[in-house]
Amino acid sequence: MPVTAVVIGAGDRGARAYAPYALDHPHELKIVGVAEPNEERRKNFQELHQIKDTYGFTSWEELMEQGKIADIAIICTQDQFHFEPTIHALKQGYHVLLEKPMSPDVRECIEMERVAREYERKLTICHVLRYTEFWSSIKRIIDEGKIGEVVSLQLNENVEVMHMSHSFVRGNWSNKEKSSPMILQKSCHDMDIISYVMDKKCERISSFGSLMHFKKENAPEGAPKRCLDGCPVELECPYHAGRYYLGEGKGWAKKFTEDHTREGIIKALKETPYGKCVYQSDNNVVDHQVVNMEFEGGATATFSMCGFTREQTRIVQIMGTKGEIRGKMDENTLSIYDFLTKHETIIRLPNSVGGHGGGDFGIIRSFIKDVQYPSQIESITSAAISLRSHLMAFAAEESRLHQGKSIQLDEFYQQYTN
């Protein structure tokens, strides 16, 4: 019998990242209910997954009023709306797969982990990179001792310039008060994967970064608030919404309109934030940030996120006492260099299925098995494990806001638990 699920939040991540697993593997997962306030999205989701109207709800509260109607709850609401449905689902007996970040509030993250332990429910956070062939291969190489003890790690997150403008200038995650800071929303993936690879306690952290470019003072002279209202620099601006979303970025338009015709996209550009000038939007998250970390034993890591890159990828260099690993995620290749033999081994990993290098489907598959065959072994992205990397992200943001002040992680955690 397949594991049954309800989906709370049928937006891009709920409907397009995780739910398709049920369509491709109906013998493993069946979605029996959905809560989504957007009627068009909800109806489309119900039709696709053959969900009766009696199990299509406009809110998570309505869904929870039905009692426990499935084995698991997949929660993909906006960041600031994660806490309440997660707590209610855990208390009703659901195992929960929660989109990252857990919450933009430190105390809510701590409380969710506590409630999951109290009610003996699985709460797995969607740090999907751990489930990719790329990062799991790196972890295996390190665990096998092939590069000795890890001394230092450098990770670059190349956000890609149009992804930056879409998601973090015009989009749902552009304003930290309405969503989360960039280091938490986007780069908690990176804090988590660094924690995973280093496999040691992070003790100190500092960070610098700012919003340099996407600001009103950088708007071209005469630029209207909306790109389609006659922008004088349309042909010179790489971020012009009309040219992008009606051209090479047409696939991204599916994230803000259910009408994928040219007319439907134009209508959405006139009515939604995605048609706004990038220099006159409601954004305040950073467009670049660096983080410095020190781990127990003295190992260090540096992380750099930047929105101004040509491609969307992650580039990593891991330096050990016996060798070095280099990798580029979009190419799915790894280089392992042995200091003694001077031999370099190139690994070309197979093409992945699903988003985030196969991690989106990987975490669903793993979560289903965890629910079907419970064991004493903790999920690699359980709330308890993910809480550590969330604290790294929160501390990094605290440091950035205080001119790069060095933050002691233990002291930072104790501020929220005393």
Protein backbone atom coordinates (compact mmCIF):
# COMPACT_ATOMS: atom_id res chain seq x y z
CA MET A 1 0.00 0.00 0.00
CA PRO A 2 1.31 3.47 -0.85
CA VAL A 3 1.94 6.04 1.85
CA THR A 4 -0.84 8.64 1.82
CA ALA A 5 -0.21 12.37 2.00
CA VAL A 6 -1.84 15.76 2.22
CA VAL A 7 -0.16 18.78 0.68
CA ILE A 8 -0.44 22.14 2.42
CA GLY A 9 0.57 24.82 -0.06
CA ALA A 10 0.29 23.80 -3.72
CA GLY A 11 2.59 26.46 -5.13
CA ASP A 12 5.84 25.91 -6.97
CA ARG A 13 7.54 23.67 -4.42
CA GLY A 14 4.45 21.77 -3.25
CA ALA A 15 2.91 21.19 -6.67
CA ARG A 16 5.96 21.04 -8.94
CA ALA A 17 8.86 19.81 -6.81
CA TYR A 18 7.43 17.17 -4.46
CA ALA A 19 3.91 16.19 -5.54
CA PRO A 20 4.97 14.89 -9.00
CA TYR A 21 6.67 12.00 -7.21
CA ALA A 22 3.19 10.60 -6.52
CA LEU A 23 2.34 10.69 -10.23
CA ASP A 24 5.56 8.95 -11.22
CA HIS A 25 5.48 6.43 -8.34
CA PRO A 26 1.79 5.82 -7.51
CA HIS A 27 2.68 2.51 -5.82
CA GLU A 28 4.76 4.45 -3.26
CA LEU A 29 2.84 7.69 -2.64
CA LYS A 30 -0.78 8.79 -3.02
CA ILE A 31 -1.90 12.35 -2.34
CA VAL A 32 -5.41 12.37 -0.88
CA GLY A 33 -5.92 16.00 0.16
CA VAL A 34 -4.72 19.53 -0.49
CA ALA A 35 -4.99 22.92 1.19
CA GLU A 36 -4.33 25.87 -1.12
CA PRO A 37 -5.99 29.33 -1.00
CA ASN A 38 -5.55 29.99 -4.73
CA GLU A 39 -8.63 28.39 -6.28
CA GLU A 40 -7.13 27.89 -9.73
CA ARG A 41 -4.04 26.19 -8.33
CA ARG A 42 -6.12 24.07 -5.99
CA LYS A 43 -8.49 22.89 -8.73
CA ASN A 44 -5.62 22.09 -11.08
CA PHE A 45 -3.87 20.15 -8.32
CA GLN A 46 -7.03 18.22 -7.45
CA GLU A 47 -7.61 17.30 -11.07
CA LEU A 48 -4.02 16.17 -11.56
CA HIS A 49 -4.03 13.99 -8.43
CA GLN A 50 -7.70 12.93 -8.68
CA ILE A 51 -8.61 14.44 -5.31
CA LYS A 52 -12.31 14.78 -4.50
CA ASP A 53 -13.72 18.24 -3.79
CA THR A 54 -14.44 17.12 -0.22
CA TYR A 55 -10.67 16.91 0.30
CA GLY A 56 -9.73 20.19 -1.36
CA PHE A 57 -9.46 22.98 1.21
CA THR A 58 -8.78 26.71 1.08
CA SER A 59 -6.73 26.67 4.28
CA TRP A 60 -4.68 24.33 6.42
CA GLU A 61 -7.09 25.02 9.31
CA GLU A 62 -9.97 23.51 7.31
CA LEU A 63 -7.87 20.49 6.47
CA MET A 64 -6.85 19.94 10.09
CA GLU A 65 -10.50 20.11 11.19
CA GLN A 66 -11.02 16.80 9.37
CA GLY A 67 -8.69 14.98 11.77
CA LYS A 68 -5.87 12.79 10.51
CA ILE A 69 -6.73 11.73 6.94
CA ALA A 70 -3.28 10.61 5.73
CA ASP A 71 0.06 9.30 6.90
CA ILE A 72 2.15 12.37 6.12
CA ALA A 73 1.75 16.11 5.61
CA ILE A 74 3.92 17.88 3.04
CA ILE A 75 3.99 21.52 4.12
CA CYS A 76 5.08 24.08 1.52
CA THR A 77 3.48 27.33 2.63
CA GLN A 78 5.45 30.57 2.64
CA ASP A 79 8.26 30.70 5.23
CA GLN A 80 6.44 32.73 7.89
CA PHE A 81 3.44 30.36 7.72
CA HIS A 82 5.33 27.12 8.46
CA PHE A 83 5.03 27.05 12.22
CA GLU A 84 1.32 26.69 12.97
CA PRO A 85 0.38 24.03 10.39
CA THR A 86 3.48 22.04 11.33
CA ILE A 87 2.67 22.08 15.05
CA HIS A 88 -0.96 21.12 14.42
CA ALA A 89 0.01 18.34 12.01
CA LEU A 90 2.52 16.83 14.43
CA LYS A 91 0.00 16.90 17.28
CA GLN A 92 -2.61 15.23 15.07
CA GLY A 93 -0.23 12.37 14.37
CA TYR A 94 1.11 13.29 10.95
CA HIS A 95 4.72 12.74 10.02
CA VAL A 96 5.77 16.04 8.42
CA LEU A 97 7.98 16.88 5.46
CA LEU A 98 8.58 20.61 5.77
CA GLU A 99 9.99 22.90 3.11
CA LYS A 100 13.05 24.83 4.18
CA PRO A 101 13.63 27.06 6.03
CA MET A 102 11.82 25.74 9.08
CA SER A 103 10.82 29.28 10.10
CA PRO A 104 12.25 32.81 10.03
CA ASP A 105 11.94 32.79 13.83
CA VAL A 106 14.63 31.01 15.89
CA ARG A 107 12.26 30.15 18.72
CA GLU A 108 9.74 28.61 16.33
CA CYS A 109 12.45 26.37 14.87
CA ILE A 110 13.41 25.19 18.35
CA GLU A 111 9.77 24.60 19.31
CA MET A 112 8.96 22.56 16.18
CA GLU A 113 11.87 20.24 16.90
CA ARG A 114 10.74 19.89 20.52
CA VAL A 115 7.13 19.06 19.57
CA ALA A 116 8.26 16.45 17.04
CA ARG A 117 10.26 14.72 19.80
CA GLU A 118 7.42 14.98 22.30
CA TYR A 119 4.85 13.44 19.96
CA GLU A 120 7.35 10.95 18.49
CA ARG A 121 6.64 12.08 14.94
CA LYS A 122 9.11 12.43 12.10
CA LEU A 123 9.80 16.01 11.10
CA THR A 124 12.11 16.13 8.10
CA ILE A 125 13.29 19.42 6.61
CA CYS A 126 13.75 19.73 2.85
CA HIS A 127 17.50 20.24 2.76
CA VAL A 128 17.41 18.41 -0.53
CA LEU A 129 21.10 18.81 -1.45
CA ARG A 130 22.04 16.03 0.98
CA TYR A 131 20.02 13.64 -1.20
CA THR A 132 21.82 14.43 -4.44
CA GLU A 133 24.40 12.14 -6.03
CA PHE A 134 26.81 15.10 -6.12
CA TRP A 135 26.92 15.83 -2.39
CA SER A 136 26.42 12.27 -1.19
CA SER A 137 29.42 11.25 -3.33
CA ILE A 138 31.53 14.00 -1.76
CA LYS A 139 30.46 12.87 1.70
CA ARG A 140 31.32 9.25 0.91
CA ILE A 141 34.79 10.17 -0.42
CA ILE A 142 35.55 12.13 2.76
CA ASP A 143 34.21 9.36 5.03
CA GLU A 144 36.43 6.84 3.22
CA GLY A 145 39.43 8.96 4.21
CA LYS A 146 40.60 9.59 0.67
CA ILE A 147 41.59 13.20 1.35
CA GLY A 148 42.47 12.73 5.01
CA GLU A 149 41.11 15.14 7.61
CA VAL A 150 39.24 18.12 6.20
CA VAL A 151 41.12 21.31 7.01
CA SER A 152 39.16 23.88 5.02
CA LEU A 153 36.17 24.15 2.70
CA GLN A 154 35.24 26.85 0.22
CA LEU A 155 31.74 26.96 -1.28
CA ASN A 156 30.45 29.44 -3.84
CA GLU A 157 26.73 29.69 -4.55
CA ASN A 158 26.21 31.26 -7.97
CA VAL A 159 22.57 32.31 -7.79
CA GLU A 160 22.47 33.49 -11.46
CA VAL A 161 21.45 36.99 -12.30
CA MET A 162 17.90 36.34 -13.61
CA HIS A 163 17.11 33.89 -10.80
CA MET A 164 18.19 36.64 -8.42
CA SER A 165 15.90 39.21 -10.04
CA HIS A 166 12.97 36.78 -10.27
CA SER A 167 12.95 35.25 -6.79
CA PHE A 168 14.79 37.73 -4.58
CA VAL A 169 14.03 41.13 -6.11
CA ARG A 170 10.54 40.75 -7.57
CA GLY A 171 9.46 37.47 -6.03
CA ASN A 172 8.17 35.88 -2.86
CA TRP A 173 11.55 36.03 -1.09
CA SER A 174 12.52 39.62 -1.88
CA ASN A 175 11.67 41.13 1.50
CA LYS A 176 13.10 39.66 4.69
CA GLU A 177 10.26 41.00 6.86
CA LYS A 178 7.70 39.23 4.66
CA SER A 179 9.75 36.07 4.15
CA SER A 180 13.28 35.43 5.45
CA PRO A 181 16.79 36.87 5.10
CA MET A 182 18.66 35.59 2.05
CA ILE A 183 21.10 33.53 4.14
CA LEU A 184 18.15 31.66 5.65
CA GLN A 185 15.79 31.38 2.70
CA LYS A 186 18.24 30.61 -0.10
CA SER A 187 21.49 29.75 1.57
CA CYS A 188 20.31 27.59 4.47
CA HIS A 189 20.88 24.87 1.83
CA ASP A 190 24.54 25.86 1.90
CA MET A 191 24.85 26.19 5.66
CA ASP A 192 23.35 22.72 5.89
CA ILE A 193 25.57 21.10 3.27
CA ILE A 194 28.68 22.65 4.85
CA SER A 195 27.60 21.23 8.22
CA TYR A 196 26.96 17.85 6.55
CA VAL A 197 30.35 17.68 4.83
CA MET A 198 32.41 19.05 7.73
CA ASP A 199 30.59 16.72 10.16
CA LYS A 200 31.79 18.75 13.12
CA LYS A 201 30.22 21.29 15.42
CA CYS A 202 30.39 24.86 14.12
CA GLU A 203 31.69 27.02 16.97
CA ARG A 204 32.12 30.54 15.57
CA ILE A 205 30.70 32.45 12.63
CA SER A 206 30.95 35.90 11.06
CA SER A 207 29.41 37.42 7.96
CA PHE A 208 29.39 40.44 5.66
CA GLY A 209 27.03 41.40 2.84
CA SER A 210 24.54 43.96 1.62
CA LEU A 211 22.06 45.00 -1.04
CA MET A 212 24.32 46.92 -3.43
CA HIS A 213 22.57 47.08 -6.77
CA PHE A 214 18.82 46.56 -6.81
CA LYS A 215 17.95 49.90 -5.20
CA LYS A 216 15.95 52.95 -6.22
CA GLU A 217 19.03 55.16 -6.56
CA ASN A 218 20.29 52.86 -9.32
CA ALA A 219 17.11 53.11 -11.41
CA PRO A 220 17.74 54.45 -14.94
CA GLU A 221 16.46 57.96 -15.53
CA GLY A 222 12.83 57.94 -16.63
CA ALA A 223 12.26 54.27 -15.75
CA PRO A 224 8.60 53.60 -14.89
CA LYS A 225 7.60 51.48 -11.92
CA ARG A 226 6.49 48.72 -14.29
CA CYS A 227 8.55 47.53 -17.22
CA LEU A 228 5.60 47.37 -19.62
CA ASP A 229 4.71 51.03 -19.06
CA GLY A 230 7.20 52.25 -21.63
CA CYS A 231 10.70 51.90 -20.21
CA PRO A 232 13.23 54.06 -22.10
CA VAL A 233 16.07 51.59 -21.46
CA GLU A 234 14.20 48.40 -22.37
CA LEU A 235 16.84 47.30 -24.85
CA GLU A 236 19.76 48.05 -22.51
CA CYS A 237 18.36 46.58 -19.29
CA PRO A 238 18.98 42.83 -18.79
CA TYR A 239 16.13 42.69 -16.26
CA HIS A 240 13.29 44.01 -18.45
CA ALA A 241 10.32 41.88 -17.41
CA GLY A 242 8.54 41.85 -20.76
CA ARG A 243 11.53 40.82 -22.79
CA TYR A 244 12.57 38.16 -20.28
CA TYR A 245 9.27 36.49 -19.34
CA LEU A 246 7.96 36.51 -22.91
CA GLY A 247 11.28 35.19 -24.18
CA GLU A 248 13.92 32.97 -22.61
CA GLY A 249 12.31 33.21 -19.18
CA LYS A 250 8.88 31.99 -20.25
CA GLY A 251 9.28 28.90 -18.09
CA TRP A 252 9.76 31.11 -15.04
CA ALA A 253 6.46 32.83 -15.81
CA LYS A 254 4.70 29.59 -14.85
CA LYS A 255 5.66 30.38 -11.28
CA PHE A 256 3.39 33.45 -11.12
CA THR A 257 0.50 32.72 -13.49
CA GLU A 258 -1.59 29.68 -14.33
CA ASP A 259 -2.36 31.17 -17.76
CA HIS A 260 0.76 30.39 -19.79
CA THR A 261 -0.38 32.10 -22.99
CA ARG A 262 1.33 35.29 -24.14
CA GLU A 263 -1.77 37.25 -23.14
CA GLY A 264 -1.87 35.58 -19.73
CA ILE A 265 1.77 36.41 -19.03
CA ILE A 266 1.31 40.04 -20.07
CA LYS A 267 -1.73 40.34 -17.81
CA ALA A 268 0.27 38.94 -14.88
CA LEU A 269 3.15 41.31 -15.57
CA LYS A 270 0.72 44.21 -15.33
CA GLU A 271 -0.79 42.98 -12.06
CA THR A 272 1.89 41.15 -10.07
CA PRO A 273 5.27 42.20 -8.64
CA TYR A 274 7.00 40.26 -11.42
CA GLY A 275 6.31 43.13 -13.82
CA LYS A 276 7.95 45.74 -11.60
CA CYS A 277 11.20 47.53 -12.30
CA VAL A 278 13.93 45.73 -10.35
CA TYR A 279 15.13 49.10 -9.04
CA GLN A 280 11.69 50.05 -7.73
CA SER A 281 10.50 46.86 -6.03
CA ASP A 282 9.76 46.07 -2.41
CA ASN A 283 13.03 44.18 -1.97
CA ASN A 284 15.54 44.44 0.85
CA VAL A 285 17.39 41.09 0.97
CA VAL A 286 21.10 41.12 0.19
CA ASP A 287 22.36 40.50 -3.34
CA HIS A 288 25.74 39.20 -2.10
CA GLN A 289 27.01 37.79 1.18
CA VAL A 290 30.04 35.98 2.59
CA VAL A 291 30.19 33.80 5.71
CA ASN A 292 33.25 32.62 7.67
CA MET A 293 32.98 29.57 9.93
CA GLU A 294 35.26 27.86 12.44
CA PHE A 295 34.55 24.28 13.51
CA GLU A 296 35.69 22.27 16.51
CA GLY A 297 39.29 21.19 16.07
CA GLY A 298 40.14 24.34 14.11
CA ALA A 299 38.82 23.45 10.62
CA THR A 300 37.40 26.40 8.72
CA ALA A 301 34.87 27.03 5.96
CA THR A 302 34.06 30.03 3.81
CA PHE A 303 30.85 30.57 1.89
CA SER A 304 30.09 33.17 -0.77
CA MET A 305 26.66 33.82 -2.26
CA CYS A 306 26.30 36.22 -5.16
CA GLY A 307 23.37 37.06 -7.41
CA PHE A 308 25.56 38.41 -10.21
CA THR A 309 26.68 35.25 -11.98
CA ARG A 310 26.15 33.87 -15.47
CA GLU A 311 25.04 30.42 -14.37
CA GLN A 312 23.12 28.91 -11.49
CA THR A 313 25.40 26.46 -9.73
CA ARG A 314 27.50 25.64 -6.69
CA ILE A 315 31.27 25.35 -6.87
CA VAL A 316 33.12 23.64 -4.04
CA GLN A 317 36.74 23.06 -3.04
CA ILE A 318 37.48 20.84 -0.02
CA MET A 319 41.07 20.69 1.22
CA GLY A 320 42.21 17.76 3.32
CA THR A 321 45.50 16.62 4.80
CA LYS A 322 45.96 13.92 2.11
CA GLY A 323 44.21 15.42 -0.88
CA GLU A 324 41.64 17.75 -2.34
CA ILE A 325 38.16 17.60 -3.84
CA ARG A 326 36.85 20.07 -6.38
CA GLY A 327 33.35 20.01 -7.82
CA LYS A 328 30.92 21.98 -9.96
CA MET A 329 27.34 21.02 -9.35
CA ASP A 330 25.77 22.03 -12.67
CA GLU A 331 28.29 19.86 -14.51
CA ASN A 332 27.87 16.98 -12.03
CA THR A 333 31.61 16.37 -11.99
CA LEU A 334 34.11 15.86 -9.20
CA SER A 335 37.92 15.93 -9.15
CA ILE A 336 39.82 14.08 -6.42
CA TYR A 337 43.53 14.79 -6.17
CA ASP A 338 45.93 12.64 -4.12
CA PHE A 339 48.92 14.54 -2.67
CA LEU A 340 51.11 11.40 -2.45
CA THR A 341 50.60 9.83 -5.87
CA LYS A 342 49.82 13.10 -7.69
CA HIS A 343 46.96 11.22 -9.31
CA GLU A 344 43.76 13.07 -10.20
CA THR A 345 40.54 11.10 -10.46
CA ILE A 346 37.66 12.63 -12.41
CA ILE A 347 34.16 11.40 -11.57
CA ARG A 348 31.34 12.19 -13.98
CA LEU A 349 28.10 11.53 -12.16
CA PRO A 350 24.95 10.35 -13.98
CA ASN A 351 22.30 12.85 -15.01
CA SER A 352 19.78 13.34 -12.25
CA VAL A 353 15.98 13.14 -12.36
CA GLY A 354 14.01 15.95 -10.72
CA GLY A 355 15.00 19.36 -9.40
CA HIS A 356 18.02 20.32 -7.27
CA GLY A 357 20.23 17.70 -8.88
CA GLY A 358 17.77 14.92 -8.06
CA GLY A 359 17.44 16.00 -4.43
CA ASP A 360 13.73 16.88 -4.66
CA PHE A 361 12.75 13.31 -5.54
CA GLY A 362 15.51 11.88 -3.38
CA ILE A 363 14.15 13.37 -0.17
CA ILE A 364 10.59 12.21 -0.94
CA ARG A 365 11.82 8.66 -1.57
CA SER A 366 13.83 8.65 1.64
CA PHE A 367 11.01 10.12 3.72
CA ILE A 368 8.55 7.51 2.48
CA LYS A 369 10.96 4.72 3.49
CA ASP A 370 11.48 6.34 6.91
CA VAL A 371 7.72 6.30 7.47
CA GLN A 372 7.18 2.78 6.13
CA TYR A 373 10.14 1.21 7.90
CA PRO A 374 10.83 3.16 11.11
CA SER A 375 14.28 2.69 12.62
CA GLN A 376 16.40 4.15 15.36
CA ILE A 377 18.56 5.87 12.74
CA GLU A 378 17.70 9.55 12.44
CA SER A 379 16.88 11.03 9.05
CA ILE A 380 19.87 12.93 7.63
CA THR A 381 17.70 16.07 7.52
CA SER A 382 15.62 15.58 10.66
CA ALA A 383 14.54 18.70 12.51
CA ALA A 384 17.18 18.03 15.17
CA ILE A 385 19.96 17.94 12.57
CA SER A 386 18.56 20.79 10.48
CA LEU A 387 18.22 23.00 13.54
CA ARG A 388 22.02 23.15 13.75
CA SER A 389 22.45 24.57 10.26
CA HIS A 390 19.49 26.92 10.77
CA LEU A 391 21.28 28.32 13.81
CA MET A 392 24.37 28.87 11.64
CA ALA A 393 22.24 30.89 9.20
CA PHE A 394 20.57 32.91 11.97
CA ALA A 395 23.96 33.63 13.55
CA ALA A 396 25.43 34.67 10.20
CA GLU A 397 22.64 37.18 9.70
CA GLU A 398 23.12 38.47 13.25
CA SER A 399 26.80 38.96 12.49
CA ARG A 400 26.10 40.72 9.19
CA LEU A 401 23.75 43.16 10.88
CA HIS A 402 26.46 43.98 13.44
CA GLN A 403 29.38 44.80 11.11
CA GLY A 404 30.66 41.23 10.92
CA LYS A 405 30.85 40.63 14.68
CA SER A 406 32.09 37.12 15.52
CA ILE A 407 29.23 35.05 16.98
CA GLN A 408 29.77 32.11 19.33
CA LEU A 409 27.16 29.52 18.33
CA ASP A 410 26.64 28.04 21.81
CA GLU A 411 26.06 31.47 23.34
CA PHE A 412 23.74 32.40 20.47
CA TYR A 413 21.64 29.25 21.00
CA GLN A 414 21.44 29.81 24.75
CA GLN A 415 19.91 33.25 24.18
CA TYR A 416 16.81 31.50 22.83
CA THR A 417 16.58 28.59 25.25
CA ASN A 418 17.15 30.21 28.66
